[in-house]
Amino acid sequence: MTGKGRGAEGKPLPSGLLLVDKPAGITSFEVVRRVKRLVRARKAGHLGTLDPFATGLLPLALGEATKLAPHLMGEPKTYRATLKLGEETDTQDLTGRVTGRWESLPESEAIAAAADRFVGEIEQVPPLYSALRQQGERLYRLARRGETVEVKPRRVMIYELTVEAVDLPRVTLRVRCSAGAYIRTLAQDLGRALGSGAHLVALRRLAVGPFRIEDAATLEQLAEAGWESRLIAPARCLPDWPALEVGPEDERRLRRGQPIPLSDPAPPAGERVRLVAEGRLVALAVVKAAGGGAWAAPTRLFAAEMK
């Protein structure tokens, strides 16, 4: 019988982030399945789907690090996207059926000017061929049955939209956007703003929050060179959160769900912090003011054996 957080051989189960360079042609779920089998993890999940044709950074959370997913999923994402002007498809990308064609294509200056207008908070109507749920079903299933569905628009943020190359009918963009933004939809909306139509023909994710594609490994590299050295410990998965060291007594209090006092200078009230002990992530906490002092109230605890 194995202990909590340990595998059949008594070894600690892997916990942390693996940065995978997803290849084209497979789903994000398939990447998770392959890595989960490779590392023998009980729990694993990705931090934001990439379509099968897309490539690039797919961070995978393993073991106890899956508890960090709610905080990591909302991180901004950066992409390199290639559009084809002059055609629209029903899926807004190269996998769909062409639904419209235009002969006239815009000049480079017009493309750059139109791209500038999409920077900031914009309204998007999510694509019908997406995994969003409506009426209790995935939108893509309703679309495949030919059902008419009214999808409500939502607000997303485009932090950066830069034209990197124009080789008509193709245009390559660099996009930094909020979680929840659809690059396919951005491609179609930009094409319509240009009066030429467009759809997405290539997509590569370059970054998710602080994590970069340059630090990712292919599935082959993970299998051949060993994945252990590439595993990012849970304590380092939220680098933007202040890290506070705790001692044994504070750790015992935290594991009983009790807040611990913070010494000066303490982070301001409301700040989210990581509480660590000798490189282990003990808890996530929020700083609260009480009794003239500052306290760290735990919001999420992590297994004691986890490294």
Protein backbone atom coordinates (compact mmCIF):
# COMPACT_ATOMS: atom_id res chain seq x y z
CA MET A 1 0.00 0.00 0.00
CA THR A 2 1.43 3.36 -0.94
CA GLY A 3 1.32 6.53 1.13
CA LYS A 4 -0.36 9.74 0.08
CA GLY A 5 1.62 11.40 -2.69
CA ARG A 6 3.74 8.30 -3.40
CA GLY A 7 3.76 5.80 -6.26
CA ALA A 8 3.88 2.02 -6.26
CA GLU A 9 7.65 2.00 -5.67
CA GLY A 10 7.41 4.36 -2.70
CA LYS A 11 8.79 7.31 -4.70
CA PRO A 12 7.14 10.74 -4.45
CA LEU A 13 4.73 11.32 -7.32
CA PRO A 14 5.80 14.14 -9.66
CA SER A 15 4.43 17.58 -8.87
CA GLY A 16 5.19 20.73 -10.81
CA LEU A 17 4.97 22.25 -14.26
CA LEU A 18 6.36 20.77 -17.45
CA LEU A 19 6.63 23.15 -20.41
CA VAL A 20 5.85 21.20 -23.56
CA ASP A 21 6.36 22.35 -27.14
CA LYS A 22 3.19 20.89 -28.63
CA PRO A 23 3.50 19.54 -32.18
CA ALA A 24 0.88 20.03 -34.88
CA GLY A 25 -1.57 17.26 -35.59
CA ILE A 26 -2.56 16.14 -32.09
CA THR A 27 -4.90 17.49 -29.47
CA SER A 28 -3.84 19.10 -26.21
CA PHE A 29 -5.59 16.23 -24.42
CA GLU A 30 -3.35 13.74 -26.27
CA VAL A 31 -0.26 15.64 -25.10
CA VAL A 32 -1.52 15.39 -21.52
CA ARG A 33 -2.18 11.66 -21.95
CA ARG A 34 1.31 10.96 -23.31
CA VAL A 35 3.09 12.99 -20.64
CA LYS A 36 0.97 11.56 -17.85
CA ARG A 37 1.94 8.08 -18.97
CA LEU A 38 5.62 9.01 -19.37
CA VAL A 39 6.00 10.50 -15.88
CA ARG A 40 3.50 8.14 -14.21
CA ALA A 41 1.50 11.00 -12.76
CA ARG A 42 -1.88 10.40 -11.17
CA LYS A 43 -3.11 13.92 -11.91
CA ALA A 44 -2.23 16.08 -14.90
CA GLY A 45 -3.82 18.86 -16.91
CA HIS A 46 -2.91 21.60 -19.35
CA LEU A 47 -3.18 25.34 -18.79
CA GLY A 48 -5.15 26.32 -21.88
CA THR A 49 -6.08 24.34 -24.98
CA LEU A 50 -4.24 24.62 -28.28
CA ASP A 51 -6.15 23.47 -31.36
CA PRO A 52 -4.77 20.33 -33.07
CA PHE A 53 -3.19 22.33 -35.94
CA ALA A 54 -1.53 24.78 -33.52
CA THR A 55 1.93 24.37 -32.02
CA GLY A 56 3.92 25.88 -29.19
CA LEU A 57 3.90 26.28 -25.45
CA LEU A 58 1.54 23.98 -23.57
CA PRO A 59 2.30 24.09 -19.83
CA LEU A 60 1.23 20.91 -18.05
CA ALA A 61 0.46 20.84 -14.33
CA LEU A 62 1.29 17.57 -12.58
CA GLY A 63 0.25 16.26 -9.20
CA GLU A 64 -0.15 18.90 -6.50
CA ALA A 65 0.62 21.63 -9.06
CA THR A 66 -2.85 21.07 -10.53
CA LYS A 67 -4.07 23.06 -7.50
CA LEU A 68 -2.29 26.08 -9.02
CA ALA A 69 -4.24 25.85 -12.29
CA PRO A 70 -6.93 28.42 -11.32
CA HIS A 71 -4.18 31.02 -10.81
CA LEU A 72 -2.17 30.09 -13.90
CA MET A 73 -5.05 29.70 -16.39
CA GLY A 74 -5.78 33.42 -16.31
CA GLU A 75 -2.26 34.50 -17.29
CA PRO A 76 -1.84 36.53 -20.54
CA LYS A 77 -0.79 34.52 -23.57
CA THR A 78 1.45 35.43 -26.51
CA TYR A 79 1.10 33.98 -30.02
CA ARG A 80 2.51 34.18 -33.52
CA ALA A 81 -0.45 33.92 -35.87
CA THR A 82 -0.55 33.68 -39.66
CA LEU A 83 -3.72 34.70 -41.48
CA LYS A 84 -4.77 34.20 -45.06
CA LEU A 85 -6.62 37.20 -46.41
CA GLY A 86 -9.29 36.85 -49.08
CA GLU A 87 -11.11 33.83 -47.61
CA GLU A 88 -13.35 33.08 -44.64
CA THR A 89 -14.15 29.60 -43.33
CA ASP A 90 -16.90 28.30 -41.08
CA THR A 91 -14.38 27.37 -38.36
CA GLN A 92 -12.38 30.61 -38.81
CA ASP A 93 -9.26 28.53 -39.53
CA LEU A 94 -7.70 26.26 -42.17
CA THR A 95 -9.67 23.19 -41.04
CA GLY A 96 -13.02 24.61 -42.13
CA ARG A 97 -15.10 24.98 -45.27
CA VAL A 98 -14.63 28.19 -47.26
CA THR A 99 -17.72 30.35 -46.88
CA GLY A 100 -16.60 33.55 -48.63
CA ARG A 101 -13.95 34.84 -51.05
CA TRP A 102 -12.65 38.33 -51.90
CA GLU A 103 -10.44 39.28 -54.84
CA SER A 104 -9.19 42.65 -53.61
CA LEU A 105 -6.53 42.59 -50.88
CA PRO A 106 -5.39 45.56 -48.74
CA GLU A 107 -1.98 47.25 -48.73
CA SER A 108 0.48 46.76 -45.87
CA GLU A 109 -0.23 50.21 -44.44
CA ALA A 110 -3.96 49.49 -44.22
CA ILE A 111 -3.29 46.17 -42.48
CA ALA A 112 -1.10 47.83 -39.83
CA ALA A 113 -3.64 50.60 -39.27
CA ALA A 114 -6.51 48.11 -38.87
CA ALA A 115 -4.46 45.98 -36.45
CA ASP A 116 -3.87 49.03 -34.25
CA ARG A 117 -7.62 49.46 -33.84
CA PHE A 118 -7.90 46.03 -32.19
CA VAL A 119 -5.47 46.83 -29.37
CA GLY A 120 -7.18 47.29 -26.00
CA GLU A 121 -10.43 45.88 -24.65
CA ILE A 122 -12.52 44.54 -27.49
CA GLU A 123 -15.72 42.55 -27.90
CA GLN A 124 -15.53 39.06 -29.43
CA VAL A 125 -18.22 36.59 -30.37
CA PRO A 126 -16.65 33.17 -29.62
CA PRO A 127 -16.59 30.82 -32.61
CA LEU A 128 -19.34 28.25 -33.06
CA TYR A 129 -16.66 25.60 -33.48
CA SER A 130 -15.34 25.87 -29.93
CA ALA A 131 -15.55 23.89 -26.70
CA LEU A 132 -17.63 26.51 -24.90
CA ARG A 133 -20.88 25.19 -23.47
CA GLN A 134 -24.32 26.48 -24.35
CA GLN A 135 -27.64 24.81 -23.63
CA GLY A 136 -25.63 22.17 -21.76
CA GLU A 137 -23.63 21.14 -24.85
CA ARG A 138 -20.35 22.05 -26.49
CA LEU A 139 -20.83 24.65 -29.21
CA TYR A 140 -18.97 22.60 -31.81
CA ARG A 141 -21.43 19.73 -31.37
CA LEU A 142 -24.38 22.04 -31.95
CA ALA A 143 -22.63 23.53 -35.00
CA ARG A 144 -21.93 20.09 -36.49
CA ARG A 145 -25.63 19.25 -36.20
CA GLY A 146 -26.44 22.44 -38.09
CA GLU A 147 -28.32 23.97 -35.18
CA THR A 148 -28.66 27.74 -35.07
CA VAL A 149 -27.09 29.11 -31.92
CA GLU A 150 -26.83 32.70 -30.76
CA VAL A 151 -23.48 33.09 -29.03
CA LYS A 152 -23.20 36.09 -26.74
CA PRO A 153 -20.21 38.40 -27.21
CA ARG A 154 -17.70 38.85 -24.42
CA ARG A 155 -14.99 41.34 -23.56
CA VAL A 156 -11.35 40.34 -23.98
CA MET A 157 -8.11 42.29 -23.85
CA ILE A 158 -5.57 42.57 -26.66
CA TYR A 159 -2.39 43.93 -25.08
CA GLU A 160 -0.28 43.81 -28.24
CA LEU A 161 -1.03 43.26 -31.92
CA THR A 162 1.97 43.74 -34.17
CA VAL A 163 2.26 43.01 -37.90
CA GLU A 164 5.49 41.02 -38.25
CA ALA A 165 5.33 40.18 -41.97
CA VAL A 166 3.12 40.73 -45.01
CA ASP A 167 3.38 38.31 -47.93
CA LEU A 168 -0.07 38.57 -49.47
CA PRO A 169 -2.39 36.86 -49.11
CA ARG A 170 -0.63 35.87 -45.86
CA VAL A 171 -0.06 38.15 -42.88
CA THR A 172 1.88 37.19 -39.76
CA LEU A 173 0.98 38.82 -36.45
CA ARG A 174 2.34 38.77 -32.94
CA VAL A 175 -0.50 38.83 -30.41
CA ARG A 176 -0.43 39.19 -26.65
CA CYS A 177 -3.90 38.79 -25.19
CA SER A 178 -5.91 37.93 -22.11
CA ALA A 179 -7.10 34.44 -21.32
CA GLY A 180 -10.31 33.68 -23.17
CA ALA A 181 -9.41 35.54 -26.37
CA TYR A 182 -9.80 33.54 -29.59
CA ILE A 183 -7.08 34.16 -32.16
CA ARG A 184 -9.27 32.57 -34.85
CA THR A 185 -11.96 35.12 -34.15
CA LEU A 186 -9.42 37.94 -34.11
CA ALA A 187 -8.23 36.82 -37.56
CA GLN A 188 -11.77 36.83 -38.97
CA ASP A 189 -12.66 40.17 -37.37
CA LEU A 190 -9.47 41.77 -38.69
CA GLY A 191 -10.23 40.44 -42.18
CA ARG A 192 -13.71 41.91 -42.05
CA ALA A 193 -12.35 45.26 -40.86
CA LEU A 194 -10.09 45.22 -43.92
CA GLY A 195 -12.97 44.32 -46.23
CA SER A 196 -11.11 41.25 -47.46
CA GLY A 197 -12.08 38.43 -45.14
CA ALA A 198 -9.47 36.23 -43.43
CA HIS A 199 -8.95 32.97 -41.62
CA LEU A 200 -6.19 31.55 -39.44
CA VAL A 201 -3.74 29.20 -41.17
CA ALA A 202 -0.98 28.83 -38.55
CA LEU A 203 -0.70 29.47 -34.82
CA ARG A 204 2.21 29.09 -32.41
CA ARG A 205 1.99 29.95 -28.73
CA LEU A 206 5.12 31.70 -27.51
CA ALA A 207 4.35 32.44 -23.87
CA VAL A 208 1.90 31.87 -21.03
CA GLY A 209 2.43 34.43 -18.30
CA PRO A 210 6.09 34.21 -17.21
CA PHE A 211 6.75 30.95 -19.07
CA ARG A 212 8.39 30.99 -22.52
CA ILE A 213 8.57 28.62 -25.48
CA GLU A 214 12.38 28.82 -25.35
CA ASP A 215 12.24 26.83 -22.10
CA ALA A 216 9.88 24.15 -23.43
CA ALA A 217 10.77 20.65 -24.58
CA THR A 218 9.26 18.48 -27.29
CA LEU A 219 7.64 15.19 -26.41
CA GLU A 220 10.65 13.42 -27.88
CA GLN A 221 13.08 15.44 -25.74
CA LEU A 222 11.12 14.67 -22.60
CA ALA A 223 11.20 10.97 -23.37
CA GLU A 224 14.84 10.78 -24.44
CA ALA A 225 16.69 13.23 -22.21
CA GLY A 226 14.62 12.83 -19.07
CA TRP A 227 11.85 15.06 -17.86
CA GLU A 228 12.88 15.32 -14.20
CA SER A 229 15.41 18.11 -14.76
CA ARG A 230 12.75 20.15 -16.61
CA LEU A 231 10.11 19.93 -13.90
CA ILE A 232 9.39 23.36 -12.39
CA ALA A 233 8.74 22.92 -8.66
CA PRO A 234 5.35 24.19 -7.41
CA ALA A 235 7.15 26.74 -5.22
CA ARG A 236 8.45 28.42 -8.41
CA CYS A 237 5.24 28.27 -10.45
CA LEU A 238 3.90 31.67 -9.36
CA PRO A 239 7.01 33.87 -9.59
CA ASP A 240 5.00 37.09 -9.43
CA TRP A 241 3.65 36.22 -5.97
CA PRO A 242 5.92 37.18 -3.04
CA ALA A 243 7.49 34.13 -1.37
CA LEU A 244 7.64 34.06 2.43
CA GLU A 245 9.67 31.46 4.33
CA VAL A 246 7.91 29.67 7.20
CA GLY A 247 9.30 27.56 10.02
CA PRO A 248 8.09 24.20 11.40
CA GLU A 249 5.68 25.69 13.94
CA ASP A 250 4.12 28.02 11.36
CA GLU A 251 3.77 25.09 8.97
CA ARG A 252 1.91 23.09 11.63
CA ARG A 253 -0.44 26.02 12.20
CA LEU A 254 -1.06 26.37 8.47
CA ARG A 255 -1.87 22.68 8.12
CA ARG A 256 -4.53 23.15 10.78
CA GLY A 257 -5.99 25.93 8.66
CA GLN A 258 -4.83 28.67 11.02
CA PRO A 259 -3.35 32.02 9.94
CA ILE A 260 0.22 32.82 10.91
CA PRO A 261 1.66 36.17 12.00
CA LEU A 262 4.01 37.99 9.64
CA SER A 263 7.02 39.98 10.71
CA ASP A 264 7.73 43.49 9.43
CA PRO A 265 8.00 44.54 6.72
CA ALA A 266 4.96 42.50 5.67
CA PRO A 267 3.25 42.65 2.28
CA PRO A 268 0.17 44.91 2.17
CA ALA A 269 -3.24 43.57 3.17
CA GLY A 270 -4.91 41.74 0.31
CA GLU A 271 -1.60 40.63 -1.26
CA ARG A 272 -1.48 37.00 -2.38
CA VAL A 273 1.68 35.20 -1.24
CA ARG A 274 3.46 31.85 -1.45
CA LEU A 275 4.43 30.28 1.87
CA VAL A 276 7.46 28.02 1.45
CA ALA A 277 9.64 25.87 3.71
CA GLU A 278 13.08 24.80 2.50
CA GLY A 279 12.01 25.01 -1.12
CA ARG A 280 8.65 23.29 -0.61
CA LEU A 281 5.38 25.06 -1.30
CA VAL A 282 3.39 24.76 1.91
CA ALA A 283 0.43 27.00 1.10
CA LEU A 284 -0.97 29.88 -0.86
CA ALA A 285 -2.27 32.63 1.37
CA VAL A 286 -3.72 36.12 1.46
CA VAL A 287 -2.35 38.80 3.77
CA LYS A 288 -4.81 40.21 6.29
CA ALA A 289 -4.51 42.99 8.84
CA ALA A 290 -5.68 42.27 12.39
CA GLY A 291 -4.78 43.38 15.90
CA GLY A 292 -2.31 45.94 14.65
CA GLY A 293 -0.31 43.33 12.75
CA ALA A 294 -0.28 41.35 9.51
CA TRP A 295 -1.30 37.72 9.13
CA ALA A 296 -1.13 35.19 6.30
CA ALA A 297 -4.41 33.30 6.01
CA PRO A 298 -4.03 30.05 4.01
CA THR A 299 -6.28 29.62 0.98
CA ARG A 300 -4.74 26.43 -0.43
CA LEU A 301 -2.54 23.80 1.21
CA PHE A 302 -0.09 21.43 -0.48
CA ALA A 303 1.04 17.94 0.46
CA ALA A 304 3.87 17.86 3.02
CA GLU A 305 5.93 15.32 1.00
CA MET A 306 5.84 17.40 -2.17
CA LYS A 307 9.08 18.86 -3.49
